[in-house]
C-alpha atoms as a PDB file:
ATOM      1  CA  MET A   1      18.408   5.686  24.279  1.00  0.00           C
ATOM      2  CA  LEU A   2      17.386   8.935  22.570  1.00  0.00           C
ATOM      3  CA  LEU A   3      20.247   8.525  20.100  1.00  0.00           C
ATOM      4  CA  PHE A   4      19.040   4.972  19.368  1.00  0.00           C
ATOM      5  CA  PHE A   5      15.538   6.160  18.459  1.00  0.00           C
ATOM      6  CA  ARG A   6      16.861   9.056  16.391  1.00  0.00           C
ATOM      7  CA  THR A   7      19.086   6.664  14.463  1.00  0.00           C
ATOM      8  CA  LYS A   8      16.178   4.283  13.889  1.00  0.00           C
ATOM      9  CA  ARG A   9      13.962   7.126  12.664  1.00  0.00           C
ATOM     10  CA  LYS A  10      16.709   8.339  10.336  1.00  0.00           C
ATOM     11  CA  ARG A  11      17.065   4.855   8.834  1.00  0.00           C
ATOM     12  CA  PHE A  12      13.300   4.608   8.355  1.00  0.00           C
ATOM     13  CA  VAL A  13      13.147   7.940   6.548  1.00  0.00           C
ATOM     14  CA  SER A  14      16.189   7.052   4.424  1.00  0.00           C
ATOM     15  CA  ARG A  15      14.563   3.757   3.473  1.00  0.00           C
ATOM     16  CA  LEU A  16      11.311   5.408   2.420  1.00  0.00           C
ATOM     17  CA  LEU A  17      13.128   8.024   0.358  1.00  0.00           C
ATOM     18  CA  LYS A  18      14.241   5.153  -1.902  1.00  0.00           C
ATOM     19  CA  ALA A  19      10.602   4.126  -2.370  1.00  0.00           C
ATOM     20  CA  PHE A  20       9.540   7.334  -4.147  1.00  0.00           C
ATOM     21  CA  PRO A  21      10.723   9.484  -7.059  1.00  0.00           C
ATOM     22  CA  SER A  22      13.347  12.022  -6.012  1.00  0.00           C
ATOM     23  CA  GLU A  23      11.002  14.965  -6.594  1.00  0.00           C
ATOM     24  CA  TYR A  24       8.890  13.668  -3.684  1.00  0.00           C
ATOM     25  CA  SER A  25      11.737  13.601  -1.145  1.00  0.00           C
ATOM     26  CA  ALA A  26      10.526  16.658   0.781  1.00  0.00           C
ATOM     27  CA  ASP A  27       7.008  15.200   0.896  1.00  0.00           C
ATOM     28  CA  VAL A  28       8.277  11.868   2.243  1.00  0.00           C
ATOM     29  CA  GLU A  29      10.169  13.673   4.991  1.00  0.00           C
ATOM     30  CA  ALA A  30       7.110  15.795   5.830  1.00  0.00           C
ATOM     31  CA  VAL A  31       4.936  12.679   6.120  1.00  0.00           C
ATOM     32  CA  CYS A  32       7.480  10.922   8.332  1.00  0.00           C
ATOM     33  CA  ASP A  33       7.521  13.955  10.629  1.00  0.00           C
ATOM     34  CA  THR A  34       3.839  13.293  11.407  1.00  0.00           C
ATOM     35  CA  LEU A  35       4.398   9.653  12.391  1.00  0.00           C
ATOM     36  CA  LYS A  36       5.260   8.102  15.725  1.00  0.00           C
ATOM     37  CA  ILE A  37       7.855   5.761  14.310  1.00  0.00           C
ATOM     38  CA  LYS A  38       7.484   2.805  16.642  1.00  0.00           C
ATOM     39  CA  SER A  39       7.765  -0.799  15.491  1.00  0.00           C
ATOM     40  CA  GLU A  40       4.805  -3.171  15.678  1.00  0.00           C
ATOM     41  CA  ALA A  41       6.988  -6.148  14.700  1.00  0.00           C
ATOM     42  CA  TYR A  42       8.086  -8.736  17.248  1.00  0.00           C
ATOM     43  CA  ASP A  43      11.741  -8.156  16.358  1.00  0.00           C
ATOM     44  CA  GLY A  44      11.545  -4.366  16.437  1.00  0.00           C
ATOM     45  CA  SER A  45      11.840  -3.919  12.668  1.00  0.00           C
ATOM     46  CA  LEU A  46      10.277  -0.864  11.071  1.00  0.00           C
ATOM     47  CA  TYR A  47      10.241  -2.380   7.582  1.00  0.00           C
ATOM     48  CA  SER A  48      11.009  -5.661   5.880  1.00  0.00           C
ATOM     49  CA  GLU A  49      14.315  -6.266   4.158  1.00  0.00           C
ATOM     50  CA  ALA A  50      12.397  -7.788   1.243  1.00  0.00           C
ATOM     51  CA  SER A  51      11.454  -5.248  -1.403  1.00  0.00           C
ATOM     52  CA  THR A  52      10.574  -4.788  -5.059  1.00  0.00           C
ATOM     53  CA  LYS A  53      12.336  -2.467  -7.478  1.00  0.00           C
ATOM     54  CA  TRP A  54      10.320  -0.676 -10.137  1.00  0.00           C
ATOM     55  CA  ARG A  55      11.459   1.225 -13.164  1.00  0.00           C
ATOM     56  CA  LEU A  56       9.208   4.243 -13.764  1.00  0.00           C
ATOM     57  CA  PRO A  57       8.320   5.836 -17.128  1.00  0.00           C
ATOM     58  CA  THR A  58      10.543   8.779 -16.137  1.00  0.00           C
ATOM     59  CA  GLY A  59      13.573   6.468 -16.059  1.00  0.00           C
ATOM     60  CA  GLU A  60      13.897   6.575 -12.275  1.00  0.00           C
ATOM     61  CA  THR A  61      13.876   3.401 -10.186  1.00  0.00           C
ATOM     62  CA  VAL A  62      12.090   3.108  -6.852  1.00  0.00           C
ATOM     63  CA  ASP A  63      12.645   0.374  -4.268  1.00  0.00           C
ATOM     64  CA  ILE A  64       9.486  -0.381  -2.270  1.00  0.00           C
ATOM     65  CA  PRO A  65       9.567  -2.351   1.008  1.00  0.00           C
ATOM     66  CA  TYR A  66       7.387  -5.443   1.065  1.00  0.00           C
ATOM     67  CA  ARG A  67       5.990  -4.418   4.468  1.00  0.00           C
ATOM     68  CA  ILE A  68       6.246  -1.589   6.958  1.00  0.00           C
ATOM     69  CA  TYR A  69       5.650  -2.272  10.642  1.00  0.00           C
ATOM     70  CA  VAL A  70       4.595   1.186  11.804  1.00  0.00           C
ATOM     71  CA  ARG A  71       1.132   1.890  13.170  1.00  0.00           C
ATOM     72  CA  GLU A  72      -1.065   4.277  11.234  1.00  0.00           C
ATOM     73  CA  GLU A  73      -1.791   7.530  13.056  1.00  0.00           C
ATOM     74  CA  GLU A  74      -5.506   8.309  12.915  1.00  0.00           C
ATOM     75  CA  ASP A  75      -6.393  11.530  11.085  1.00  0.00           C
ATOM     76  CA  GLN A  76      -2.765  12.375  10.304  1.00  0.00           C
ATOM     77  CA  GLY A  77      -3.649  12.427   6.625  1.00  0.00           C
ATOM     78  CA  ASN A  78      -5.872  15.446   7.201  1.00  0.00           C
ATOM     79  CA  LYS A  79      -2.854  17.550   8.216  1.00  0.00           C
ATOM     80  CA  LEU A  80      -1.055  16.970   4.921  1.00  0.00           C
ATOM     81  CA  THR A  81      -1.126  18.576   1.498  1.00  0.00           C
ATOM     82  CA  PRO A  82      -2.803  16.532  -1.287  1.00  0.00           C
ATOM     83  CA  ARG A  83       0.629  15.514  -2.563  1.00  0.00           C
ATOM     84  CA  GLN A  84       1.812  14.474   0.895  1.00  0.00           C
ATOM     85  CA  ARG A  85      -1.453  12.636   1.469  1.00  0.00           C
ATOM     86  CA  ALA A  86      -0.767  10.534  -1.638  1.00  0.00           C
ATOM     87  CA  VAL A  87       2.679   9.655  -0.253  1.00  0.00           C
ATOM     88  CA  TYR A  88       1.097   8.782   3.109  1.00  0.00           C
ATOM     89  CA  ARG A  89      -1.374   6.458   1.396  1.00  0.00           C
ATOM     90  CA  CYS A  90       1.380   4.761  -0.584  1.00  0.00           C
ATOM     91  CA  ILE A  91       3.399   4.149   2.578  1.00  0.00           C
ATOM     92  CA  PHE A  92       0.482   2.576   4.427  1.00  0.00           C
ATOM     93  CA  SER A  93      -0.538   0.485   1.432  1.00  0.00           C
ATOM     94  CA  ARG A  94       2.503  -1.572   2.504  1.00  0.00           C
ATOM     95  CA  SER A  95       1.278  -1.897   6.098  1.00  0.00           C
ATOM     96  CA  TYR A  96       1.529  -5.152   8.023  1.00  0.00           C
ATOM     97  CA  ASP A  97      -2.249  -4.818   8.586  1.00  0.00           C
ATOM     98  CA  GLY A  98      -4.380  -5.971   5.646  1.00  0.00           C
ATOM     99  CA  TYR A  99      -7.289  -3.709   6.563  1.00  0.00           C
ATOM    100  CA  VAL A 100      -4.977  -0.695   6.532  1.00  0.00           C
ATOM    101  CA  ARG A 101      -3.545  -1.758   3.161  1.00  0.00           C
ATOM    102  CA  GLN A 102      -7.028  -2.017   1.673  1.00  0.00           C
ATOM    103  CA  LYS A 103      -8.119   1.343   3.085  1.00  0.00           C
ATOM    104  CA  HIS A 104      -5.177   3.200   1.587  1.00  0.00           C
ATOM    105  CA  ILE A 105      -5.163   1.414  -1.769  1.00  0.00           C
ATOM    106  CA  GLU A 106      -8.834   2.327  -2.170  1.00  0.00           C
ATOM    107  CA  ALA A 107      -8.080   5.929  -1.196  1.00  0.00           C
ATOM    108  CA  LEU A 108      -5.255   6.066  -3.747  1.00  0.00           C
ATOM    109  CA  LEU A 109      -7.477   4.736  -6.510  1.00  0.00           C
ATOM    110  CA  ASP A 110     -10.225   7.199  -5.639  1.00  0.00           C
ATOM    111  CA  SER A 111      -7.825  10.133  -6.069  1.00  0.00           C
ATOM    112  CA  GLU A 112      -5.558  11.467  -8.798  1.00  0.00           C
ATOM    113  CA  LEU A 113      -2.452   9.276  -8.902  1.00  0.00           C
ATOM    114  CA  PHE A 114       1.116  10.303  -9.647  1.00  0.00           C
ATOM    115  CA  ASP A 115       3.395   7.925 -11.570  1.00  0.00           C
ATOM    116  CA  GLY A 116       5.276   6.907  -8.438  1.00  0.00           C
ATOM    117  CA  ALA A 117       2.060   5.593  -6.867  1.00  0.00           C
ATOM    118  CA  LEU A 118       1.278   3.089  -9.631  1.00  0.00           C
ATOM    119  CA  PRO A 119       3.745   0.411  -8.430  1.00  0.00           C
ATOM    120  CA  TYR A 120       2.028   0.404  -5.030  1.00  0.00           C
ATOM    121  CA  VAL A 121      -1.271  -0.475  -6.695  1.00  0.00           C
ATOM    122  CA  VAL A 122       0.221  -3.180  -8.916  1.00  0.00           C
ATOM    123  CA  LYS A 123       2.256  -4.702  -6.074  1.00  0.00           C
ATOM    124  CA  VAL A 124      -0.717  -5.312  -3.813  1.00  0.00           C
ATOM    125  CA  CYS A 125      -2.370  -7.320  -6.603  1.00  0.00           C
ATOM    126  CA  ASP A 126       0.007 -10.277  -6.324  1.00  0.00           C
ATOM    127  CA  GLU A 127      -0.857 -10.781  -2.658  1.00  0.00           C
ATOM    128  CA  TYR A 128      -3.377 -12.929  -0.826  1.00  0.00           C
ATOM    129  CA  VAL A 129      -6.152 -10.551   0.293  1.00  0.00           C
ATOM    130  CA  THR A 130      -8.858 -11.189  -2.285  1.00  0.00           C
ATOM    131  CA  GLU A 131     -10.938  -8.252  -1.051  1.00  0.00           C
ATOM    132  CA  ILE A 132      -8.130  -5.882  -2.067  1.00  0.00           C
ATOM    133  CA  LEU A 133      -7.938  -7.399  -5.551  1.00  0.00           C
ATOM    134  CA  GLU A 134     -11.699  -6.987  -5.871  1.00  0.00           C
ATOM    135  CA  SER A 135     -11.469  -3.333  -4.809  1.00  0.00           C
ATOM    136  CA  VAL A 136      -8.720  -2.647  -7.332  1.00  0.00           C
ATOM    137  CA  TYR A 137     -10.556  -4.415 -10.158  1.00  0.00           C
ATOM    138  CA  GLN A 138     -13.796  -2.608  -9.370  1.00  0.00           C
ATOM    139  CA  ARG A 139     -12.023   0.739  -9.686  1.00  0.00           C
ATOM    140  CA  LEU A 140      -9.830  -0.041 -12.714  1.00  0.00           C
ATOM    141  CA  SER A 141     -11.954  -2.312 -14.901  1.00  0.00           C
ATOM    142  CA  ASP A 142     -13.778   0.532 -16.644  1.00  0.00           C
ATOM    143  CA  ARG A 143     -10.618   2.575 -17.294  1.00  0.00           C
ATOM    144  CA  GLY A 144      -8.161   2.280 -20.144  1.00  0.00           C
ATOM    145  CA  CYS A 145      -5.321   1.455 -17.719  1.00  0.00           C
ATOM    146  CA  GLU A 146      -2.681   2.473 -20.265  1.00  0.00           C
ATOM    147  CA  GLU A 147      -0.447   3.903 -17.546  1.00  0.00           C
ATOM    148  CA  TYR A 148      -0.566   0.576 -15.674  1.00  0.00           C
ATOM    149  CA  LYS A 149       0.199  -1.394 -18.820  1.00  0.00           C
ATOM    150  CA  GLU A 150       3.136   0.894 -19.566  1.00  0.00           C
ATOM    151  CA  LEU A 151       4.496   0.294 -16.066  1.00  0.00           C
ATOM    152  CA  CYS A 152       4.026  -3.468 -16.429  1.00  0.00           C
ATOM    153  CA  GLU A 153       5.813  -3.390 -19.780  1.00  0.00           C
ATOM    154  CA  LEU A 154       8.768  -1.584 -18.201  1.00  0.00           C
ATOM    155  CA  ASN A 155       8.862  -4.196 -15.419  1.00  0.00           C
ATOM    156  CA  PHE A 156       7.876  -7.232 -17.454  1.00  0.00           C
ATOM    157  CA  ASP A 157      10.119  -9.783 -15.707  1.00  0.00           C
ATOM    158  CA  TYR A 158       8.656  -8.827 -12.355  1.00  0.00           C
ATOM    159  CA  ILE A 159       5.087  -8.945 -13.684  1.00  0.00           C
ATOM    160  CA  LYS A 160       5.614 -12.532 -14.857  1.00  0.00           C
ATOM    161  CA  LEU A 161       6.677 -13.508 -11.329  1.00  0.00           C
ATOM    162  CA  ALA A 162       3.860 -11.497  -9.755  1.00  0.00           C
ATOM    163  CA  HIS A 163       1.308 -13.210 -12.011  1.00  0.00           C
ATOM    164  CA  ALA A 164       2.624 -16.621 -10.966  1.00  0.00           C
ATOM    165  CA  ARG A 165       2.455 -15.592  -7.308  1.00  0.00           C
ATOM    166  CA  MET A 166      -1.136 -14.444  -7.725  1.00  0.00           C
ATOM    167  CA  ILE A 167      -2.062 -17.837  -9.219  1.00  0.00           C
ATOM    168  CA  SER A 168      -0.321 -19.622  -6.357  1.00  0.00           C
ATOM    169  CA  TYR A 169      -2.323 -17.684  -3.768  1.00  0.00           C
ATOM    170  CA  TRP A 170      -5.534 -18.487  -5.638  1.00  0.00           C
ATOM    171  CA  ASN A 171      -4.631 -22.177  -5.691  1.00  0.00           C
ATOM    172  CA  GLU A 172      -3.771 -22.291  -1.989  1.00  0.00           C
ATOM    173  CA  ASN A 173      -6.327 -19.929  -0.481  1.00  0.00           C
ATOM    174  CA  CYS A 174      -9.204 -19.197  -2.843  1.00  0.00           C
ATOM    175  CA  ARG A 175     -10.200 -22.351  -4.720  1.00  0.00           C
ATOM    176  CA  TYR A 176     -12.865 -23.196  -2.171  1.00  0.00           C
ATOM    177  CA  ASP A 177     -14.703 -19.940  -2.899  1.00  0.00           C
ATOM    178  CA  CYS A 178     -13.720 -19.660  -6.575  1.00  0.00           C
ATOM    179  CA  TYR A 179     -13.005 -23.104  -7.990  1.00  0.00           C
ATOM    180  CA  LYS A 180     -12.475 -22.048 -11.608  1.00  0.00           C
ATOM    181  CA  TYR A 181      -9.415 -19.883 -12.152  1.00  0.00           C
ATOM    182  CA  LYS A 182     -11.037 -18.185 -15.152  1.00  0.00           C
ATOM    183  CA  ASP A 183     -13.572 -16.669 -12.744  1.00  0.00           C
ATOM    184  CA  TYR A 184     -10.982 -15.447 -10.226  1.00  0.00           C
ATOM    185  CA  VAL A 185     -10.693 -11.680  -9.852  1.00  0.00           C
ATOM    186  CA  GLY A 186      -6.891 -11.856  -9.935  1.00  0.00           C
ATOM    187  CA  LYS A 187      -6.943 -13.324 -13.443  1.00  0.00           C
ATOM    188  CA  LYS A 188      -9.371 -10.652 -14.618  1.00  0.00           C
ATOM    189  CA  LEU A 189      -7.268  -7.917 -13.036  1.00  0.00           C
ATOM    190  CA  TYR A 190      -4.015  -8.982 -14.675  1.00  0.00           C
ATOM    191  CA  ARG A 191      -5.671  -9.618 -18.033  1.00  0.00           C
ATOM    192  CA  ASP A 192      -7.915  -6.564 -18.298  1.00  0.00           C
ATOM    193  CA  CYS A 193      -5.969  -3.934 -16.364  1.00  0.00           C
ATOM    194  CA  PHE A 194      -2.313  -4.946 -16.596  1.00  0.00           C
ATOM    195  CA  GLY A 195      -2.288  -6.612 -20.022  1.00  0.00           C
ATOM    196  CA  TYR A 196      -0.879  -9.937 -18.815  1.00  0.00           C
ATOM    197  CA  GLY A 197      -3.484 -12.635 -19.238  1.00  0.00           C
ATOM    198  CA  LYS A 198      -1.690 -15.970 -19.283  1.00  0.00           C
ATOM    199  CA  THR A 199       1.506 -17.657 -18.157  1.00  0.00           C
ATOM    200  CA  GLY A 200       4.209 -17.607 -20.814  1.00  0.00           C
ATOM    201  CA  GLN A 201       2.923 -14.474 -22.496  1.00  0.00           C
ATOM    202  CA  LYS A 202       5.781 -12.697 -24.299  1.00  0.00           C
ATOM    203  CA  ARG A 203       4.658  -9.095 -23.896  1.00  0.00           C
ATOM    204  CA  ILE A 204       2.024  -6.848 -22.359  1.00  0.00           C
ATOM    205  CA  GLU A 205      -1.152  -6.644 -24.464  1.00  0.00           C
ATOM    206  CA  ARG A 206      -2.216  -3.026 -24.961  1.00  0.00           C
END
């Protein structure tokens, strides 16, 4: 049984190492050492097989799980270095719990971000929790967002799909509260912060 849990932990750490730039490997391992790696999923999974790959401005590619099914440990972030804390926040921005995702995305945006954290912010913006989109837009709308637009340009094919997904979630879940798409925060976020304002656009507007 002990071997089983050690193997599962090792796989979890190995999976997360792929989700960050290589220079953060030691920080990822340090963060994982603080976690009780126990699945909250009905099937015992620690992370989803679905993921998104992102090319970074450095030329590296990271592969971020769609969800992780590990419970957040209260106050663990206080035991970490600032760099490790950023990694911790990125990891839990992919949590199965929407409230946890929002908490850590807001914490990321309220701190100094490293390049490897930007995909975590952009990814959460094609999902269905409107409150998270509003939090992101509130924090980014008065910035230049050039680093986000550069990332979106490097991953343009994905951004087109993400934009379509965002519209689909608005259509299915948000039209009652926001009938006109032009008023929806997701549209404003993609247009103003990511440089992708309309379906069929050929490039990121900077």
